Amino acid sequence: GTDIVQSGSGSFLSIGYFEGFNLGRQCLYQDSQQIDATQYTHLHFSFATISDDYTSVSVGDVLGQYEFGQFQRLSGTKRILTFGGWAFSTDPSTYNIFRQGVTAANRVTMATTIANFVKSNNLDGVDIDWEYPGVGESKTEKSNKPKLTPYPVSVSVGPRYPRHPGRQQGRRH
């Protein structure tokens, strides 16, 4: 409805995004270590990508890898890795990676690879930034959408993630 309801824990989330690919810029450069992580409950590092065979994750070129290493050192905030983004979702060379990744043939491999990367890098979560999956879809792609409904996203997160009463731990929909 439209009624105002007083509920919740009373705590607020402050979420920030860090462009891990900005190291080569001539201006407006900021290293992730310059972020006051105490000002954010969650910080997202963007963008990671996954290979078209769904077996490896990349956080960018050598400069992006450096920034990711710096991002991993942040403390006092939840560190989230964001996959995808506009270019990865729309460029002809990568356009089909998410689209094929959610099919029955690839979804377990893709999810396992992403989850293993998040866990092995001691991160607190993952964000899939699949921009505009419905735009430009073929009739076949549209007919496959209902087949994904039974597959909620589930990510097992590290011990630093707080437990919330009344909510199944690690379950996201």
N, C-alpha and C. Protein backbone atom coordinates (compact mmCIF):
# COMPACT_ATOMS: atom_id res chain seq x y z
N GLY A 1 0.78 -1.17 0.00
CA GLY A 1 0.00 0.00 0.00
C GLY A 1 0.83 1.25 0.00
N THR A 2 0.14 2.31 0.35
CA THR A 2 0.78 3.62 0.37
C THR A 2 0.89 4.19 1.77
N ASP A 3 0.49 3.40 2.78
CA ASP A 3 0.56 3.87 4.16
C ASP A 3 2.02 3.93 4.62
N ILE A 4 2.33 4.94 5.42
CA ILE A 4 3.66 5.05 6.02
C ILE A 4 3.70 4.11 7.21
N VAL A 5 4.71 3.26 7.23
CA VAL A 5 4.83 2.27 8.29
C VAL A 5 6.16 2.48 9.00
N GLN A 6 6.11 2.57 10.31
CA GLN A 6 7.33 2.68 11.11
C GLN A 6 7.82 1.27 11.41
N SER A 7 8.92 0.88 10.84
CA SER A 7 9.47 -0.43 11.11
C SER A 7 10.95 -0.42 10.76
N GLY A 8 11.57 -1.53 10.95
CA GLY A 8 12.98 -1.64 10.60
C GLY A 8 13.86 -1.51 11.81
N SER A 9 15.13 -1.67 11.59
CA SER A 9 16.09 -1.68 12.69
C SER A 9 16.52 -0.29 13.10
N GLY A 10 16.20 0.71 12.31
CA GLY A 10 16.64 2.05 12.63
C GLY A 10 18.04 2.35 12.10
N SER A 11 18.71 1.36 11.54
CA SER A 11 20.04 1.60 10.98
C SER A 11 19.92 1.85 9.48
N PHE A 12 20.85 2.61 8.97
CA PHE A 12 20.83 2.96 7.56
C PHE A 12 22.02 2.34 6.84
N LEU A 13 21.85 2.10 5.57
CA LEU A 13 22.94 1.63 4.74
C LEU A 13 23.47 2.80 3.93
N SER A 14 24.77 2.89 3.85
CA SER A 14 25.42 3.89 3.02
C SER A 14 26.29 3.12 2.03
N ILE A 15 25.91 3.15 0.76
CA ILE A 15 26.53 2.30 -0.25
C ILE A 15 27.28 3.15 -1.26
N GLY A 16 28.52 2.77 -1.53
CA GLY A 16 29.33 3.49 -2.51
C GLY A 16 29.84 2.55 -3.58
N TYR A 17 30.17 3.12 -4.73
CA TYR A 17 30.72 2.36 -5.85
C TYR A 17 32.08 2.96 -6.21
N PHE A 18 33.05 2.08 -6.41
CA PHE A 18 34.38 2.52 -6.81
C PHE A 18 34.69 1.96 -8.18
N GLU A 19 35.05 2.84 -9.11
CA GLU A 19 35.42 2.42 -10.46
C GLU A 19 36.87 1.95 -10.44
N GLY A 20 37.06 0.65 -10.45
CA GLY A 20 38.40 0.09 -10.40
C GLY A 20 39.17 0.21 -11.70
N PHE A 21 38.54 0.77 -12.70
CA PHE A 21 39.18 0.89 -14.01
C PHE A 21 39.60 2.32 -14.29
N ASN A 22 39.67 3.17 -13.27
CA ASN A 22 39.94 4.59 -13.54
C ASN A 22 41.39 4.98 -13.34
N LEU A 23 42.27 4.04 -13.12
CA LEU A 23 43.66 4.37 -12.81
C LEU A 23 44.38 5.09 -13.95
N GLY A 24 43.98 4.84 -15.19
CA GLY A 24 44.64 5.45 -16.33
C GLY A 24 44.13 6.82 -16.70
N ARG A 25 43.15 7.33 -15.97
CA ARG A 25 42.61 8.66 -16.30
C ARG A 25 43.64 9.75 -16.09
N GLN A 26 43.53 10.79 -16.89
CA GLN A 26 44.42 11.94 -16.76
C GLN A 26 43.98 12.88 -15.64
N CYS A 27 42.70 12.79 -15.26
CA CYS A 27 42.20 13.66 -14.20
C CYS A 27 41.18 12.90 -13.36
N LEU A 28 40.80 13.46 -12.27
CA LEU A 28 39.81 12.89 -11.37
C LEU A 28 40.19 11.49 -10.90
N TYR A 29 41.48 11.24 -10.76
CA TYR A 29 41.95 9.95 -10.33
C TYR A 29 41.81 9.82 -8.81
N GLN A 30 41.33 8.67 -8.36
CA GLN A 30 41.28 8.40 -6.93
C GLN A 30 41.59 6.93 -6.71
N ASP A 31 42.53 6.66 -5.84
CA ASP A 31 42.87 5.31 -5.43
C ASP A 31 41.87 4.87 -4.37
N SER A 32 41.54 3.59 -4.34
CA SER A 32 40.55 3.12 -3.36
C SER A 32 41.02 3.33 -1.92
N GLN A 33 42.32 3.43 -1.70
CA GLN A 33 42.81 3.67 -0.34
C GLN A 33 42.53 5.10 0.13
N GLN A 34 42.11 5.97 -0.78
CA GLN A 34 41.73 7.33 -0.40
C GLN A 34 40.30 7.42 0.11
N ILE A 35 39.55 6.33 0.01
CA ILE A 35 38.16 6.31 0.46
C ILE A 35 38.13 6.18 1.97
N ASP A 36 37.32 6.98 2.63
CA ASP A 36 37.08 6.82 4.06
C ASP A 36 36.02 5.74 4.22
N ALA A 37 36.47 4.51 4.36
CA ALA A 37 35.57 3.35 4.40
C ALA A 37 34.62 3.39 5.59
N THR A 38 34.93 4.18 6.60
CA THR A 38 34.03 4.26 7.76
C THR A 38 32.75 5.01 7.43
N GLN A 39 32.72 5.69 6.30
CA GLN A 39 31.53 6.43 5.88
C GLN A 39 30.53 5.58 5.12
N TYR A 40 30.89 4.32 4.85
CA TYR A 40 30.04 3.44 4.05
C TYR A 40 29.84 2.11 4.76
N THR A 41 28.61 1.60 4.70
CA THR A 41 28.38 0.24 5.19
C THR A 41 28.79 -0.77 4.14
N HIS A 42 28.69 -0.40 2.87
CA HIS A 42 29.00 -1.30 1.75
C HIS A 42 29.72 -0.51 0.66
N LEU A 43 30.80 -1.07 0.14
CA LEU A 43 31.49 -0.49 -1.01
C LEU A 43 31.57 -1.53 -2.11
N HIS A 44 31.21 -1.12 -3.31
CA HIS A 44 31.25 -2.00 -4.48
C HIS A 44 32.47 -1.66 -5.33
N PHE A 45 33.19 -2.68 -5.76
CA PHE A 45 34.28 -2.51 -6.71
C PHE A 45 33.74 -2.88 -8.09
N SER A 46 33.86 -1.96 -9.03
CA SER A 46 33.37 -2.26 -10.37
C SER A 46 34.50 -2.05 -11.38
N PHE A 47 34.58 -2.86 -12.37
CA PHE A 47 33.75 -4.02 -12.65
C PHE A 47 34.62 -5.24 -12.83
N ALA A 48 34.12 -6.37 -12.36
CA ALA A 48 34.72 -7.66 -12.69
C ALA A 48 33.99 -8.21 -13.90
N THR A 49 34.64 -9.12 -14.60
CA THR A 49 34.00 -9.81 -15.72
C THR A 49 34.28 -11.30 -15.58
N ILE A 50 33.51 -12.09 -16.30
CA ILE A 50 33.71 -13.53 -16.31
C ILE A 50 33.95 -13.96 -17.76
N SER A 51 34.79 -14.97 -17.92
CA SER A 51 35.14 -15.43 -19.27
C SER A 51 33.94 -16.10 -19.94
N ASP A 52 34.00 -16.22 -21.25
CA ASP A 52 32.87 -16.80 -21.98
C ASP A 52 32.74 -18.31 -21.80
N ASP A 53 33.72 -18.95 -21.14
CA ASP A 53 33.56 -20.36 -20.77
C ASP A 53 33.20 -20.50 -19.28
N TYR A 54 33.03 -19.36 -18.61
CA TYR A 54 32.55 -19.29 -17.22
C TYR A 54 33.50 -19.91 -16.21
N THR A 55 34.80 -19.98 -16.53
CA THR A 55 35.75 -20.62 -15.63
C THR A 55 36.74 -19.66 -14.99
N SER A 56 36.75 -18.39 -15.41
CA SER A 56 37.70 -17.45 -14.81
C SER A 56 37.09 -16.06 -14.69
N VAL A 57 37.57 -15.35 -13.69
CA VAL A 57 37.12 -13.99 -13.38
C VAL A 57 38.28 -13.04 -13.62
N SER A 58 37.98 -11.86 -14.14
CA SER A 58 38.98 -10.83 -14.33
C SER A 58 38.52 -9.55 -13.63
N VAL A 59 39.47 -8.87 -13.01
CA VAL A 59 39.17 -7.56 -12.42
C VAL A 59 39.86 -6.46 -13.22
N GLY A 60 40.23 -6.79 -14.46
CA GLY A 60 40.77 -5.78 -15.35
C GLY A 60 42.23 -5.99 -15.69
N ASP A 61 42.79 -4.95 -16.31
CA ASP A 61 44.19 -4.99 -16.70
C ASP A 61 45.07 -4.88 -15.46
N VAL A 62 46.36 -4.70 -15.66
CA VAL A 62 47.29 -4.67 -14.53
C VAL A 62 46.95 -3.53 -13.56
N LEU A 63 46.49 -2.40 -14.07
CA LEU A 63 46.10 -1.29 -13.19
C LEU A 63 44.83 -1.63 -12.41
N GLY A 64 43.86 -2.27 -13.07
CA GLY A 64 42.65 -2.70 -12.39
C GLY A 64 42.95 -3.74 -11.32
N GLN A 65 43.88 -4.64 -11.60
CA GLN A 65 44.27 -5.65 -10.62
C GLN A 65 44.92 -5.00 -9.40
N TYR A 66 45.74 -3.98 -9.65
CA TYR A 66 46.34 -3.23 -8.54
C TYR A 66 45.24 -2.61 -7.68
N GLU A 67 44.29 -1.93 -8.33
CA GLU A 67 43.20 -1.29 -7.58
C GLU A 67 42.39 -2.32 -6.79
N PHE A 68 42.14 -3.48 -7.38
CA PHE A 68 41.40 -4.53 -6.68
C PHE A 68 42.17 -4.96 -5.43
N GLY A 69 43.47 -5.09 -5.53
CA GLY A 69 44.29 -5.42 -4.36
C GLY A 69 44.18 -4.36 -3.28
N GLN A 70 44.16 -3.09 -3.69
CA GLN A 70 43.99 -2.00 -2.73
C GLN A 70 42.60 -2.06 -2.10
N PHE A 71 41.59 -2.32 -2.91
CA PHE A 71 40.21 -2.42 -2.44
C PHE A 71 40.08 -3.54 -1.40
N GLN A 72 40.74 -4.66 -1.62
CA GLN A 72 40.68 -5.78 -0.69
C GLN A 72 41.21 -5.41 0.69
N ARG A 73 42.07 -4.43 0.77
CA ARG A 73 42.67 -4.02 2.04
C ARG A 73 41.75 -3.12 2.86
N LEU A 74 40.68 -2.61 2.27
CA LEU A 74 39.77 -1.74 3.01
C LEU A 74 39.16 -2.50 4.18
N SER A 75 38.95 -1.79 5.28
CA SER A 75 38.31 -2.41 6.44
C SER A 75 37.24 -1.47 6.96
N GLY A 76 36.34 -2.01 7.76
CA GLY A 76 35.27 -1.21 8.34
C GLY A 76 34.06 -1.08 7.45
N THR A 77 34.02 -1.81 6.36
CA THR A 77 32.91 -1.77 5.42
C THR A 77 32.76 -3.14 4.78
N LYS A 78 31.60 -3.43 4.25
CA LYS A 78 31.40 -4.66 3.48
C LYS A 78 31.94 -4.41 2.08
N ARG A 79 32.75 -5.32 1.59
CA ARG A 79 33.36 -5.18 0.27
C ARG A 79 32.65 -6.10 -0.71
N ILE A 80 32.02 -5.49 -1.72
CA ILE A 80 31.20 -6.19 -2.70
C ILE A 80 31.86 -6.08 -4.07
N LEU A 81 31.91 -7.18 -4.81
CA LEU A 81 32.46 -7.16 -6.17
C LEU A 81 31.31 -7.11 -7.16
N THR A 82 31.32 -6.09 -8.02
CA THR A 82 30.27 -5.93 -9.02
C THR A 82 30.76 -6.47 -10.37
N PHE A 83 29.95 -7.36 -10.93
CA PHE A 83 30.24 -7.96 -12.24
C PHE A 83 29.40 -7.28 -13.30
N GLY A 84 29.98 -7.10 -14.48
CA GLY A 84 29.21 -6.64 -15.62
C GLY A 84 29.39 -5.18 -15.92
N GLY A 85 28.28 -4.44 -15.83
CA GLY A 85 28.28 -3.04 -16.19
C GLY A 85 27.77 -2.84 -17.61
N TRP A 86 27.65 -1.58 -17.98
CA TRP A 86 27.09 -1.22 -19.28
C TRP A 86 27.87 -1.85 -20.43
N ALA A 87 29.18 -1.63 -20.47
CA ALA A 87 29.96 -2.12 -21.60
C ALA A 87 29.92 -3.64 -21.70
N PHE A 88 30.10 -4.33 -20.59
CA PHE A 88 30.09 -5.80 -20.61
C PHE A 88 28.73 -6.34 -21.04
N SER A 89 27.67 -5.64 -20.65
CA SER A 89 26.31 -6.08 -20.97
C SER A 89 25.91 -5.80 -22.41
N THR A 90 26.57 -4.84 -23.06
CA THR A 90 26.10 -4.40 -24.37
C THR A 90 27.10 -4.53 -25.51
N ASP A 91 28.40 -4.64 -25.22
CA ASP A 91 29.39 -4.76 -26.30
C ASP A 91 29.18 -6.08 -27.06
N PRO A 92 29.30 -6.06 -28.38
CA PRO A 92 29.10 -7.28 -29.16
C PRO A 92 29.98 -8.46 -28.71
N SER A 93 31.20 -8.18 -28.26
CA SER A 93 32.11 -9.27 -27.88
C SER A 93 31.73 -9.93 -26.55
N THR A 94 30.95 -9.24 -25.72
CA THR A 94 30.59 -9.80 -24.40
C THR A 94 29.09 -9.86 -24.17
N TYR A 95 28.31 -9.37 -25.10
CA TYR A 95 26.85 -9.27 -24.98
C TYR A 95 26.20 -10.58 -24.55
N ASN A 96 26.66 -11.71 -25.08
CA ASN A 96 26.01 -12.99 -24.80
C ASN A 96 26.51 -13.71 -23.56
N ILE A 97 27.53 -13.21 -22.89
CA ILE A 97 28.09 -13.95 -21.75
C ILE A 97 27.07 -14.13 -20.64
N PHE A 98 26.43 -13.07 -20.17
CA PHE A 98 25.39 -13.24 -19.14
C PHE A 98 24.20 -14.01 -19.70
N ARG A 99 23.81 -13.70 -20.93
CA ARG A 99 22.64 -14.36 -21.53
C ARG A 99 22.82 -15.88 -21.61
N GLN A 100 24.02 -16.32 -21.98
CA GLN A 100 24.28 -17.76 -22.03
C GLN A 100 24.63 -18.31 -20.65
N GLY A 101 25.14 -17.45 -19.79
CA GLY A 101 25.53 -17.89 -18.44
C GLY A 101 24.36 -18.33 -17.59
N VAL A 102 23.18 -17.82 -17.86
CA VAL A 102 22.01 -18.18 -17.05
C VAL A 102 21.24 -19.37 -17.63
N THR A 103 21.73 -19.95 -18.71
CA THR A 103 21.06 -21.12 -19.28
C THR A 103 21.40 -22.35 -18.44
N ALA A 104 20.60 -23.39 -18.59
CA ALA A 104 20.81 -24.63 -17.83
C ALA A 104 22.22 -25.19 -18.06
N ALA A 105 22.75 -25.02 -19.24
CA ALA A 105 24.07 -25.57 -19.55
C ALA A 105 25.21 -24.86 -18.82
N ASN A 106 25.01 -23.60 -18.41
CA ASN A 106 26.12 -22.81 -17.87
C ASN A 106 25.91 -22.23 -16.48
N ARG A 107 24.68 -22.18 -15.98
CA ARG A 107 24.43 -21.42 -14.75
C ARG A 107 25.18 -21.94 -13.54
N VAL A 108 25.32 -23.25 -13.38
CA VAL A 108 26.03 -23.78 -12.21
C VAL A 108 27.52 -23.43 -12.29
N THR A 109 28.11 -23.57 -13.47
CA THR A 109 29.52 -23.23 -13.64
C THR A 109 29.75 -21.75 -13.38
N MET A 110 28.91 -20.89 -13.96
CA MET A 110 29.07 -19.45 -13.76
C MET A 110 28.92 -19.09 -12.29
N ALA A 111 27.88 -19.57 -11.64
CA ALA A 111 27.64 -19.24 -10.23
C ALA A 111 28.77 -19.75 -9.35
N THR A 112 29.24 -20.96 -9.61
CA THR A 112 30.32 -21.54 -8.81
C THR A 112 31.61 -20.75 -8.97
N THR A 113 31.94 -20.38 -10.20
CA THR A 113 33.15 -19.60 -10.45
C THR A 113 33.09 -18.26 -9.73
N ILE A 114 31.96 -17.57 -9.82
CA ILE A 114 31.81 -16.28 -9.14
C ILE A 114 31.89 -16.45 -7.63
N ALA A 115 31.17 -17.42 -7.08
CA ALA A 115 31.17 -17.64 -5.63
C ALA A 115 32.57 -18.00 -5.14
N ASN A 116 33.27 -18.85 -5.86
CA ASN A 116 34.63 -19.22 -5.46
C ASN A 116 35.57 -18.02 -5.47
N PHE A 117 35.43 -17.14 -6.46
CA PHE A 117 36.27 -15.95 -6.52
C PHE A 117 35.98 -15.03 -5.34
N VAL A 118 34.72 -14.83 -5.04
CA VAL A 118 34.33 -13.98 -3.92
C VAL A 118 34.89 -14.54 -2.61
N LYS A 119 34.71 -15.83 -2.41
CA LYS A 119 35.20 -16.46 -1.17
C LYS A 119 36.73 -16.45 -1.09
N SER A 120 37.40 -16.79 -2.17
CA SER A 120 38.86 -16.87 -2.14
C SER A 120 39.51 -15.50 -1.97
N ASN A 121 38.78 -14.44 -2.26
CA ASN A 121 39.31 -13.09 -2.10
C ASN A 121 38.75 -12.40 -0.86
N ASN A 122 38.11 -13.18 0.02
CA ASN A 122 37.61 -12.70 1.31
C ASN A 122 36.71 -11.47 1.16
N LEU A 123 35.83 -11.53 0.16
CA LEU A 123 34.88 -10.44 -0.04
C LEU A 123 33.58 -10.77 0.68
N ASP A 124 32.72 -9.79 0.78
CA ASP A 124 31.47 -9.96 1.52
C ASP A 124 30.26 -10.19 0.64
N GLY A 125 30.40 -10.06 -0.65
CA GLY A 125 29.24 -10.27 -1.51
C GLY A 125 29.54 -9.98 -2.96
N VAL A 126 28.51 -10.15 -3.76
CA VAL A 126 28.62 -9.97 -5.19
C VAL A 126 27.38 -9.22 -5.69
N ASP A 127 27.58 -8.42 -6.72
CA ASP A 127 26.50 -7.67 -7.36
C ASP A 127 26.62 -7.95 -8.86
N ILE A 128 25.56 -8.48 -9.45
CA ILE A 128 25.56 -8.72 -10.89
C ILE A 128 24.85 -7.54 -11.56
N ASP A 129 25.61 -6.73 -12.26
CA ASP A 129 25.09 -5.55 -12.93
C ASP A 129 24.88 -5.87 -14.41
N TRP A 130 23.80 -6.61 -14.67
CA TRP A 130 23.44 -7.00 -16.04
C TRP A 130 22.48 -5.94 -16.53
N GLU A 131 22.99 -5.02 -17.30
CA GLU A 131 22.17 -3.88 -17.70
C GLU A 131 21.30 -4.20 -18.90
N TYR A 132 20.04 -3.97 -18.69
CA TYR A 132 19.01 -4.08 -19.71
C TYR A 132 18.96 -5.46 -20.38
N PRO A 133 18.80 -6.54 -19.60
CA PRO A 133 18.76 -7.87 -20.22
C PRO A 133 17.57 -8.07 -21.15
N GLY A 134 16.51 -7.29 -21.00
CA GLY A 134 15.34 -7.46 -21.85
C GLY A 134 15.39 -6.69 -23.15
N VAL A 135 16.31 -5.73 -23.26
CA VAL A 135 16.38 -4.90 -24.46
C VAL A 135 17.04 -5.68 -25.59
N GLY A 136 16.37 -5.71 -26.72
CA GLY A 136 16.94 -6.35 -27.90
C GLY A 136 16.91 -7.86 -27.86
N GLU A 137 16.12 -8.42 -26.95
CA GLU A 137 16.06 -9.87 -26.86
C GLU A 137 15.28 -10.47 -28.02
N SER A 138 15.69 -11.66 -28.39
CA SER A 138 14.94 -12.40 -29.40
C SER A 138 13.74 -13.06 -28.74
N LYS A 139 12.84 -13.61 -29.54
CA LYS A 139 11.69 -14.33 -28.99
C LYS A 139 12.14 -15.53 -28.17
N THR A 140 13.22 -16.18 -28.58
CA THR A 140 13.74 -17.33 -27.83
C THR A 140 14.22 -16.89 -26.46
N GLU A 141 14.97 -15.77 -26.39
CA GLU A 141 15.46 -15.28 -25.10
C GLU A 141 14.29 -14.94 -24.18
N LYS A 142 13.27 -14.28 -24.71
CA LYS A 142 12.11 -13.93 -23.90
C LYS A 142 11.39 -15.17 -23.40
N SER A 143 11.32 -16.21 -24.20
CA SER A 143 10.64 -17.43 -23.78
C SER A 143 11.44 -18.19 -22.72
N ASN A 144 12.73 -17.93 -22.60
CA ASN A 144 13.56 -18.60 -21.59
C ASN A 144 13.44 -17.97 -20.21
N LYS A 145 12.96 -16.72 -20.12
CA LYS A 145 12.89 -16.04 -18.82
C LYS A 145 12.11 -16.81 -17.77
N PRO A 146 10.92 -17.33 -18.07
CA PRO A 146 10.19 -18.06 -17.03
C PRO A 146 10.95 -19.27 -16.50
N LYS A 147 11.87 -19.81 -17.26
CA LYS A 147 12.65 -20.96 -16.82
C LYS A 147 13.64 -20.58 -15.72
N LEU A 148 13.96 -19.29 -15.58
CA LEU A 148 14.90 -18.84 -14.54
C LEU A 148 14.21 -18.57 -13.21
N THR A 149 12.90 -18.43 -13.20
CA THR A 149 12.17 -18.09 -11.99
C THR A 149 12.49 -19.00 -10.81
N PRO A 150 12.63 -20.32 -11.00
CA PRO A 150 12.89 -21.17 -9.84
C PRO A 150 14.31 -21.07 -9.29
N TYR A 151 15.17 -20.23 -9.87
CA TYR A 151 16.56 -20.16 -9.45
C TYR A 151 16.89 -18.83 -8.77
N PRO A 152 16.56 -18.71 -7.48
CA PRO A 152 16.95 -17.49 -6.78
C PRO A 152 18.46 -17.44 -6.62
N VAL A 153 18.98 -16.23 -6.50
CA VAL A 153 20.41 -16.08 -6.29
C VAL A 153 20.73 -16.42 -4.85
N SER A 154 21.73 -17.23 -4.65
CA SER A 154 22.16 -17.61 -3.31
C SER A 154 23.67 -17.51 -3.26
N VAL A 155 24.17 -16.69 -2.35
CA VAL A 155 25.61 -16.52 -2.22
C VAL A 155 26.00 -16.78 -0.78
N SER A 156 26.94 -17.66 -0.58
CA SER A 156 27.47 -17.91 0.76
C SER A 156 28.54 -16.86 1.01
N VAL A 157 28.38 -16.12 2.09
CA VAL A 157 29.31 -15.02 2.36
C VAL A 157 30.17 -15.35 3.56
N GLY A 158 31.23 -14.59 3.71
CA GLY A 158 32.20 -14.84 4.77
C GLY A 158 31.68 -14.54 6.16
N PRO A 159 32.48 -14.88 7.17
CA PRO A 159 32.06 -14.73 8.56
C PRO A 159 31.91 -13.28 9.01
N ARG A 160 32.44 -12.32 8.25
CA ARG A 160 32.31 -10.92 8.64
C ARG A 160 30.90 -10.39 8.40
N TYR A 161 30.11 -11.11 7.61
CA TYR A 161 28.76 -10.66 7.28
C TYR A 161 27.85 -10.87 8.47
N PRO A 162 27.13 -9.84 8.94
CA PRO A 162 26.29 -10.00 10.14
C PRO A 162 25.09 -10.90 9.88
N ARG A 163 24.69 -11.59 10.91
CA ARG A 163 23.50 -12.44 10.83
C ARG A 163 22.29 -11.57 11.16
N HIS A 164 21.24 -11.72 10.38
CA HIS A 164 20.03 -10.94 10.58
C HIS A 164 18.92 -11.87 11.04
N PRO A 165 18.36 -11.63 12.24
CA PRO A 165 17.27 -12.48 12.71
C PRO A 165 16.09 -12.43 11.75
N GLY A 166 15.47 -13.56 11.53
CA GLY A 166 14.28 -13.60 10.69
C GLY A 166 14.56 -13.69 9.21
N ARG A 167 15.82 -13.74 8.83
CA ARG A 167 16.14 -13.84 7.41
C ARG A 167 17.13 -14.98 7.22
N GLN A 168 16.86 -15.83 6.27
CA GLN A 168 17.75 -16.96 6.00
C GLN A 168 19.10 -16.42 5.57
N GLN A 169 20.17 -16.82 6.26
CA GLN A 169 21.50 -16.29 6.00
C GLN A 169 21.97 -16.63 4.59
N GLY A 170 22.53 -15.63 3.91
CA GLY A 170 23.14 -15.83 2.61
C GLY A 170 22.15 -15.96 1.46
N ARG A 171 20.89 -15.73 1.69
CA ARG A 171 19.87 -15.92 0.65
C ARG A 171 19.43 -14.57 0.12
N ARG A 172 19.50 -14.38 -1.17
CA ARG A 172 19.06 -13.13 -1.79
C ARG A 172 18.12 -13.47 -2.92
N HIS A 173 17.10 -12.66 -3.09
CA HIS A 173 16.16 -12.87 -4.19
C HIS A 173 16.09 -11.62 -5.04
